[in-house]
């Protein structure tokens, strides 16, 4: 079976990188740039961004991201681009802003630089844009022709985001190794279009090792406003190691169960990575993983403030019929749960959810 590893052409991380964007765009041959920018970032950093493009002698248009990451908005932005210029698309902000920029680059067939301003998920490196309707409902997962040309992570900007976002990114990254391991055992086809490679699995392993070694320290530091080496390492872990690791290593039960939990209204206020963290524990229960792995995941989640019980993901009074809805949704058509190396049924998922909740509640008693 063909192995495929997909990743950005270049990943750049450091302090002050937001003010070097003009130079990076110039390096890849652009003669002008169109930036889709989060409103908060535009109001606080827009002048500095514009200055970097002026210094690079590169014309820049900054568009404030408004509304939804919808196909309509994407097509309107693409239609407004200068057809006679070598335009580069730049996305600066959170998930929907970045997905909009990636989708515009895909439709217009132009290069794109992605600049996440929080390390809350591993999506910035991926070749997927999640599109919504104008009303905010999920529309489609747009598969892109390529990964971003450059991903730029400015650690100083990211460290100023709410600490909960960094923790959520760790929750998303926590699943990367366990899902890649499952896909490796089953020979599943990954998002990159082939089976997982040695490189992808090594990144997934490094992702878990870094989380366990430095995650708690990084959370302590960002809460104190310190941009430490641990914070920088976790930013790289959340964005690059997990982003490349999941796309080329594969998704499995954890993200399938996340999708199932997301159908429950009571869970919808939770961040993606928070639900993935609990779903990772559910995957380990489903696998009947060794006790040291289970206890290690619980200890890690407790150390950074991630949920390990149903109550902590918003389900205050678990009812079996509600949990069964989530279990059935976890096993819907095309769910990554079927990348597990053994058959999985909704009843097994339900039992694993209940077992994970029980195990998480038992850990509360030990604290």
Protein backbone atom coordinates (compact mmCIF):
# COMPACT_ATOMS: atom_id res chain seq x y z
CA UNK A 1 0.00 0.00 0.00
CA UNK A 2 1.21 3.49 -0.87
CA UNK A 3 2.38 5.64 2.04
CA UNK A 4 1.75 9.38 1.81
CA UNK A 5 3.03 12.11 4.08
CA UNK A 6 1.58 15.58 3.67
CA UNK A 7 2.65 18.79 5.43
CA UNK A 8 3.10 22.54 4.84
CA UNK A 9 6.01 23.47 2.59
CA UNK A 10 7.44 25.50 5.47
CA UNK A 11 6.63 25.85 9.18
CA UNK A 12 8.00 28.99 10.88
CA UNK A 13 7.80 29.62 14.61
CA UNK A 14 9.26 32.31 16.82
CA UNK A 15 8.60 35.64 18.50
CA UNK A 16 7.64 38.67 16.41
CA UNK A 17 6.89 36.57 13.32
CA UNK A 18 3.64 38.47 12.70
CA UNK A 19 5.75 41.46 11.67
CA UNK A 20 7.83 39.47 9.18
CA UNK A 21 4.91 38.33 7.02
CA UNK A 22 5.71 40.77 4.23
CA UNK A 23 9.20 39.32 3.85
CA UNK A 24 7.88 35.76 3.85
CA UNK A 25 5.36 36.61 1.12
CA UNK A 26 8.06 38.29 -0.92
CA UNK A 27 10.29 35.20 -0.60
CA UNK A 28 7.78 33.01 -2.45
CA UNK A 29 7.39 35.40 -5.36
CA UNK A 30 4.20 37.29 -4.55
CA UNK A 31 3.70 40.77 -5.98
CA UNK A 32 0.70 41.57 -3.78
CA UNK A 33 -1.16 40.07 -0.85
CA UNK A 34 -4.74 39.74 0.34
CA UNK A 35 -5.05 39.05 4.07
CA UNK A 36 -8.21 37.75 5.74
CA UNK A 37 -7.83 38.90 9.35
CA UNK A 38 -9.68 38.21 12.57
CA UNK A 39 -11.39 41.44 13.82
CA UNK A 40 -9.52 41.49 17.14
CA UNK A 41 -6.16 40.94 15.46
CA UNK A 42 -6.92 43.58 12.84
CA UNK A 43 -7.79 46.19 15.46
CA UNK A 44 -4.77 45.45 17.67
CA UNK A 45 -2.08 44.43 15.19
CA UNK A 46 -3.29 45.62 11.78
CA UNK A 47 -0.91 48.59 11.62
CA UNK A 48 2.10 46.43 12.43
CA UNK A 49 1.08 43.86 9.81
CA UNK A 50 0.65 46.60 7.21
CA UNK A 51 4.08 48.00 8.10
CA UNK A 52 5.76 44.66 7.44
CA UNK A 53 4.31 44.55 3.93
CA UNK A 54 5.27 48.19 3.31
CA UNK A 55 8.84 47.40 4.33
CA UNK A 56 8.82 44.46 1.88
CA UNK A 57 7.46 46.79 -0.84
CA UNK A 58 4.47 44.50 -1.25
CA UNK A 59 0.93 45.90 -1.71
CA UNK A 60 -1.48 44.54 0.90
CA UNK A 61 -5.25 44.47 1.23
CA UNK A 62 -6.52 43.53 4.70
CA UNK A 63 -10.07 42.17 4.82
CA UNK A 64 -11.78 41.88 8.19
CA UNK A 65 -13.27 38.42 8.62
CA UNK A 66 -16.99 38.75 9.19
CA UNK A 67 -19.88 36.36 9.48
CA UNK A 68 -19.23 32.74 8.65
CA UNK A 69 -16.65 30.68 6.82
CA UNK A 70 -19.17 30.04 4.07
CA UNK A 71 -18.82 29.14 0.41
CA UNK A 72 -20.58 32.42 -0.45
CA UNK A 73 -18.03 34.54 1.44
CA UNK A 74 -15.13 32.51 0.03
CA UNK A 75 -16.34 32.95 -3.54
CA UNK A 76 -16.92 36.70 -3.02
CA UNK A 77 -13.36 37.19 -1.77
CA UNK A 78 -11.92 35.11 -4.61
CA UNK A 79 -13.94 37.07 -7.19
CA UNK A 80 -12.54 40.35 -5.87
CA UNK A 81 -8.89 39.42 -6.36
CA UNK A 82 -6.80 41.12 -9.03
CA UNK A 83 -6.45 38.55 -11.86
CA UNK A 84 -3.34 40.30 -13.21
CA UNK A 85 -1.33 40.18 -9.98
CA UNK A 86 0.58 37.34 -8.36
CA UNK A 87 -1.53 37.43 -5.23
CA UNK A 88 -0.79 35.47 -2.09
CA UNK A 89 -3.60 34.80 0.37
CA UNK A 90 -2.83 35.28 4.06
CA UNK A 91 -5.11 34.06 6.85
CA UNK A 92 -4.51 35.55 10.31
CA UNK A 93 -6.66 34.57 13.29
CA UNK A 94 -8.76 31.69 14.56
CA UNK A 95 -10.15 28.59 12.91
CA UNK A 96 -12.88 30.10 10.74
CA UNK A 97 -10.64 32.91 9.54
CA UNK A 98 -7.93 30.43 8.59
CA UNK A 99 -10.38 28.07 6.90
CA UNK A 100 -11.71 30.99 4.85
CA UNK A 101 -8.21 31.90 3.69
CA UNK A 102 -7.39 28.29 2.80
CA UNK A 103 -10.63 27.92 0.85
CA UNK A 104 -10.04 31.18 -1.05
CA UNK A 105 -6.56 29.99 -2.03
CA UNK A 106 -8.03 26.68 -3.19
CA UNK A 107 -10.75 28.25 -5.34
CA UNK A 108 -8.45 30.91 -6.77
CA UNK A 109 -5.52 28.46 -7.11
CA UNK A 110 -3.19 30.79 -5.25
CA UNK A 111 -0.54 30.23 -2.56
CA UNK A 112 -1.52 30.75 1.06
CA UNK A 113 0.19 31.61 4.34
CA UNK A 114 -1.65 30.59 7.51
CA UNK A 115 -1.03 32.51 10.76
CA UNK A 116 -2.84 31.00 13.76
CA UNK A 117 -3.22 33.35 16.71
CA UNK A 118 -4.01 30.55 19.17
CA UNK A 119 -2.72 26.98 19.43
CA UNK A 120 -6.18 25.57 20.13
CA UNK A 121 -6.31 22.90 17.39
CA UNK A 122 -4.03 21.17 14.89
CA UNK A 123 -6.04 22.42 11.88
CA UNK A 124 -3.68 25.20 10.64
CA UNK A 125 -1.36 22.70 8.90
CA UNK A 126 -4.14 20.64 7.30
CA UNK A 127 -5.39 20.55 3.71
CA UNK A 128 -9.04 20.83 4.80
CA UNK A 129 -11.39 23.79 5.20
CA UNK A 130 -14.58 23.42 7.20
CA UNK A 131 -17.30 25.43 5.48
CA UNK A 132 -20.56 26.52 7.11
CA UNK A 133 -23.82 27.93 5.84
CA UNK A 134 -24.56 31.63 6.29
CA UNK A 135 -26.63 30.60 9.32
CA UNK A 136 -23.67 28.84 10.94
CA UNK A 137 -24.63 25.22 10.27
CA UNK A 138 -21.98 22.77 9.04
CA UNK A 139 -21.98 22.72 5.24
CA UNK A 140 -19.04 20.63 4.03
CA UNK A 141 -15.45 19.58 4.59
CA UNK A 142 -13.66 21.06 1.59
CA UNK A 143 -10.70 18.87 0.62
CA UNK A 144 -7.92 21.13 -0.63
CA UNK A 145 -5.42 20.36 -3.36
CA UNK A 146 -2.47 21.04 -1.09
CA UNK A 147 -1.38 21.93 2.40
CA UNK A 148 -0.63 25.59 3.20
CA UNK A 149 2.52 26.92 1.59
CA UNK A 150 3.70 28.40 4.89
CA UNK A 151 2.38 28.22 8.45
CA UNK A 152 3.68 30.99 10.72
CA UNK A 153 3.29 30.69 14.50
CA UNK A 154 4.11 33.83 16.47
CA UNK A 155 4.62 32.47 19.98
CA UNK A 156 4.25 35.90 21.63
CA UNK A 157 0.80 36.40 20.08
CA UNK A 158 -0.31 32.83 20.75
CA UNK A 159 0.81 33.00 24.40
CA UNK A 160 -1.52 35.98 24.95
CA UNK A 161 -4.60 33.95 23.99
CA UNK A 162 -6.76 32.60 26.84
CA UNK A 163 -4.96 29.65 28.53
CA UNK A 164 -8.04 27.49 27.95
CA UNK A 165 -7.27 27.58 24.21
CA UNK A 166 -3.75 26.23 24.69
CA UNK A 167 -5.16 23.45 26.89
CA UNK A 168 -7.76 22.61 24.24
CA UNK A 169 -4.98 22.36 21.66
CA UNK A 170 -3.26 19.86 23.93
CA UNK A 171 -6.49 17.89 24.13
CA UNK A 172 -6.62 17.71 20.34
CA UNK A 173 -2.94 16.77 20.19
CA UNK A 174 -3.34 14.13 22.91
CA UNK A 175 -5.27 11.86 20.55
CA UNK A 176 -2.71 12.05 17.74
CA UNK A 177 -0.43 9.21 18.81
CA UNK A 178 -3.19 6.84 19.93
CA UNK A 179 -5.15 7.33 16.71
CA UNK A 180 -2.03 7.00 14.53
CA UNK A 181 -1.16 3.79 16.38
CA UNK A 182 -4.61 2.37 15.71
CA UNK A 183 -4.41 3.30 12.03
CA UNK A 184 -0.97 1.75 11.78
CA UNK A 185 -2.32 -1.53 13.14
CA UNK A 186 -5.34 -1.53 10.83
CA UNK A 187 -3.57 -0.21 7.71
CA UNK A 188 -6.19 2.54 7.42
CA UNK A 189 -6.06 5.19 4.72
CA UNK A 190 -5.26 8.57 6.26
CA UNK A 191 -6.40 12.08 5.29
CA UNK A 192 -3.26 12.33 3.17
CA UNK A 193 -4.58 9.57 0.90
CA UNK A 194 -2.31 6.65 1.78
CA UNK A 195 -1.27 4.60 4.76
CA UNK A 196 0.69 6.23 7.56
CA UNK A 197 4.43 6.64 7.13
CA UNK A 198 7.31 6.16 9.55
CA UNK A 199 7.75 9.94 9.57
CA UNK A 200 4.11 10.59 10.49
CA UNK A 201 4.18 8.02 13.29
CA UNK A 202 7.41 9.49 14.65
CA UNK A 203 5.81 12.94 14.72
CA UNK A 204 2.77 11.50 16.51
CA UNK A 205 5.00 9.87 19.11
CA UNK A 206 6.97 13.09 19.61
CA UNK A 207 3.65 14.88 20.00
CA UNK A 208 2.61 12.69 22.94
CA UNK A 209 6.07 12.70 24.55
CA UNK A 210 6.24 16.52 24.49
CA UNK A 211 2.75 16.91 25.91
CA UNK A 212 3.48 14.61 28.83
CA UNK A 213 6.89 16.17 29.51
CA UNK A 214 6.07 19.88 29.16
CA UNK A 215 2.30 20.39 28.99
CA UNK A 216 1.73 21.16 32.67
CA UNK A 217 4.69 23.55 32.80
CA UNK A 218 3.49 25.35 29.67
CA UNK A 219 0.03 25.87 31.19
CA UNK A 220 1.54 27.27 34.37
CA UNK A 221 3.71 29.65 32.35
CA UNK A 222 0.95 31.03 30.08
CA UNK A 223 -1.25 31.62 33.12
CA UNK A 224 1.57 33.78 34.49
CA UNK A 225 2.14 35.52 31.15
CA UNK A 226 5.54 33.91 30.59
CA UNK A 227 6.63 32.94 27.06
CA UNK A 228 8.90 30.07 28.09
CA UNK A 229 10.62 27.29 26.13
CA UNK A 230 7.88 24.95 27.37
CA UNK A 231 5.21 27.22 25.87
CA UNK A 232 7.08 27.31 22.56
CA UNK A 233 7.42 23.52 22.54
CA UNK A 234 3.70 23.04 23.20
CA UNK A 235 2.78 25.53 20.47
CA UNK A 236 4.84 23.49 18.01
CA UNK A 237 3.28 20.30 19.36
CA UNK A 238 -0.31 21.51 19.07
CA UNK A 239 0.07 23.04 15.63
CA UNK A 240 2.79 21.20 13.70
CA UNK A 241 3.48 17.83 15.32
CA UNK A 242 -0.20 17.10 15.80
CA UNK A 243 -1.26 18.72 12.52
CA UNK A 244 1.12 16.70 10.37
CA UNK A 245 0.80 13.67 12.66
CA UNK A 246 -2.98 13.44 12.40
CA UNK A 247 -3.23 14.17 8.69
CA UNK A 248 -0.56 11.69 7.65
CA UNK A 249 -0.89 9.29 10.61
CA UNK A 250 -4.67 8.98 10.61
CA UNK A 251 -7.75 9.57 12.74
CA UNK A 252 -9.59 6.80 14.59
CA UNK A 253 -12.01 6.37 17.50
CA UNK A 254 -11.17 9.53 19.45
CA UNK A 255 -12.31 11.87 16.69
CA UNK A 256 -15.24 9.63 15.81
CA UNK A 257 -16.41 9.76 19.43
CA UNK A 258 -15.81 13.52 19.49
CA UNK A 259 -18.19 13.79 16.53
CA UNK A 260 -20.72 11.68 18.39
CA UNK A 261 -20.55 13.83 21.52
CA UNK A 262 -21.00 16.92 19.37
CA UNK A 263 -24.55 15.91 18.44
CA UNK A 264 -25.56 16.40 22.09
CA UNK A 265 -26.70 19.96 22.80
CA UNK A 266 -25.22 19.84 26.28
CA UNK A 267 -21.70 19.35 24.85
CA UNK A 268 -21.75 22.04 22.20
CA UNK A 269 -20.31 24.78 24.39
CA UNK A 270 -17.15 22.72 24.86
CA UNK A 271 -14.10 23.35 22.69
CA UNK A 272 -13.09 20.78 20.09
CA UNK A 273 -9.94 19.73 21.94
CA UNK A 274 -11.75 19.41 25.26
CA UNK A 275 -14.14 16.88 23.76
CA UNK A 276 -11.28 15.10 22.00
CA UNK A 277 -9.44 14.73 25.31
CA UNK A 278 -12.34 12.86 26.91
CA UNK A 279 -12.88 10.91 23.67
CA UNK A 280 -9.23 9.82 23.80
CA UNK A 281 -9.88 8.26 27.18
CA UNK A 282 -12.95 6.56 25.69
CA UNK A 283 -10.80 5.17 22.85
CA UNK A 284 -8.36 3.71 25.37
CA UNK A 285 -11.25 2.05 27.23
CA UNK A 286 -12.55 0.72 23.91
CA UNK A 287 -9.12 -0.74 23.16
CA UNK A 288 -8.78 -2.13 26.70
CA UNK A 289 -5.45 -0.34 26.80
CA UNK A 290 -2.88 -1.01 29.54
CA UNK A 291 -3.62 0.61 32.89
CA UNK A 292 -0.47 2.74 32.76
CA UNK A 293 -1.68 4.38 29.53
CA UNK A 294 -5.13 5.05 30.93
CA UNK A 295 -3.86 6.46 34.21
CA UNK A 296 -1.22 8.47 32.35
CA UNK A 297 -3.84 10.15 30.14
CA UNK A 298 -6.03 10.94 33.16
CA UNK A 299 -3.10 12.37 35.11
CA UNK A 300 -2.06 14.51 32.16
CA UNK A 301 -5.59 15.82 31.57
CA UNK A 302 -5.93 16.70 35.24
CA UNK A 303 -2.60 18.56 35.16
CA UNK A 304 -3.68 20.90 32.34
CA UNK A 305 -7.40 21.21 33.09
CA UNK A 306 -8.85 18.92 30.44
CA UNK A 307 -12.05 16.90 31.05
CA UNK A 308 -12.06 13.21 31.95
CA UNK A 309 -15.72 12.82 32.96
CA UNK A 310 -19.08 13.33 31.28
CA UNK A 311 -19.91 16.07 33.77
CA UNK A 312 -16.78 17.93 32.70
CA UNK A 313 -17.84 17.85 29.02
CA UNK A 314 -21.23 19.30 29.91
CA UNK A 315 -23.34 16.22 30.63
CA UNK A 316 -24.33 16.88 34.22
CA UNK A 317 -26.83 14.04 34.47
CA UNK A 318 -25.80 11.23 32.09
CA UNK A 319 -28.78 9.32 30.74
CA UNK A 320 -28.21 6.14 28.80
CA UNK A 321 -30.59 7.07 25.99
CA UNK A 322 -28.69 10.35 25.43
CA UNK A 323 -25.33 8.63 25.54
CA UNK A 324 -26.60 6.05 23.08
CA UNK A 325 -27.38 8.87 20.62
CA UNK A 326 -23.74 9.93 20.83
CA UNK A 327 -22.55 6.33 20.48
CA UNK A 328 -24.68 5.79 17.36
CA UNK A 329 -23.48 9.07 15.85
CA UNK A 330 -19.88 8.02 16.56
CA UNK A 331 -20.45 5.05 14.26
CA UNK A 332 -22.13 6.95 11.42
CA UNK A 333 -21.09 6.36 7.83
CA UNK A 334 -17.50 7.41 7.05
CA UNK A 335 -16.67 7.89 10.74
CA UNK A 336 -12.95 7.58 11.50
CA UNK A 337 -13.92 5.12 14.24
CA UNK A 338 -13.87 2.43 11.56
CA UNK A 339 -10.11 2.93 11.24
CA UNK A 340 -9.74 0.99 14.48
CA UNK A 341 -8.01 -2.40 14.06
CA UNK A 342 -11.16 -4.25 15.17
CA UNK A 343 -14.92 -3.97 14.48
CA UNK A 344 -16.69 -1.33 16.55
CA UNK A 345 -20.41 -1.16 17.33
CA UNK A 346 -22.47 1.61 18.95
CA UNK A 347 -23.04 -0.66 21.96
CA UNK A 348 -19.29 -1.02 22.47
CA UNK A 349 -18.87 2.75 22.23
CA UNK A 350 -21.64 3.27 24.79
CA UNK A 351 -19.97 0.88 27.20
CA UNK A 352 -16.60 2.60 26.66
CA UNK A 353 -18.10 6.06 27.30
CA UNK A 354 -19.63 4.85 30.57
CA UNK A 355 -16.37 3.12 31.55
CA UNK A 356 -14.31 6.23 30.80
CA UNK A 357 -16.65 8.40 32.86
CA UNK A 358 -16.47 5.95 35.75
CA UNK A 359 -12.67 5.88 35.55
CA UNK A 360 -12.50 9.66 35.44
CA UNK A 361 -14.78 10.03 38.45
CA UNK A 362 -12.67 7.52 40.40
CA UNK A 363 -9.64 9.72 39.71
CA UNK A 364 -11.47 12.62 41.37
CA UNK A 365 -11.59 10.66 44.60
CA UNK A 366 -7.83 10.15 44.44
CA UNK A 367 -7.12 13.90 44.14
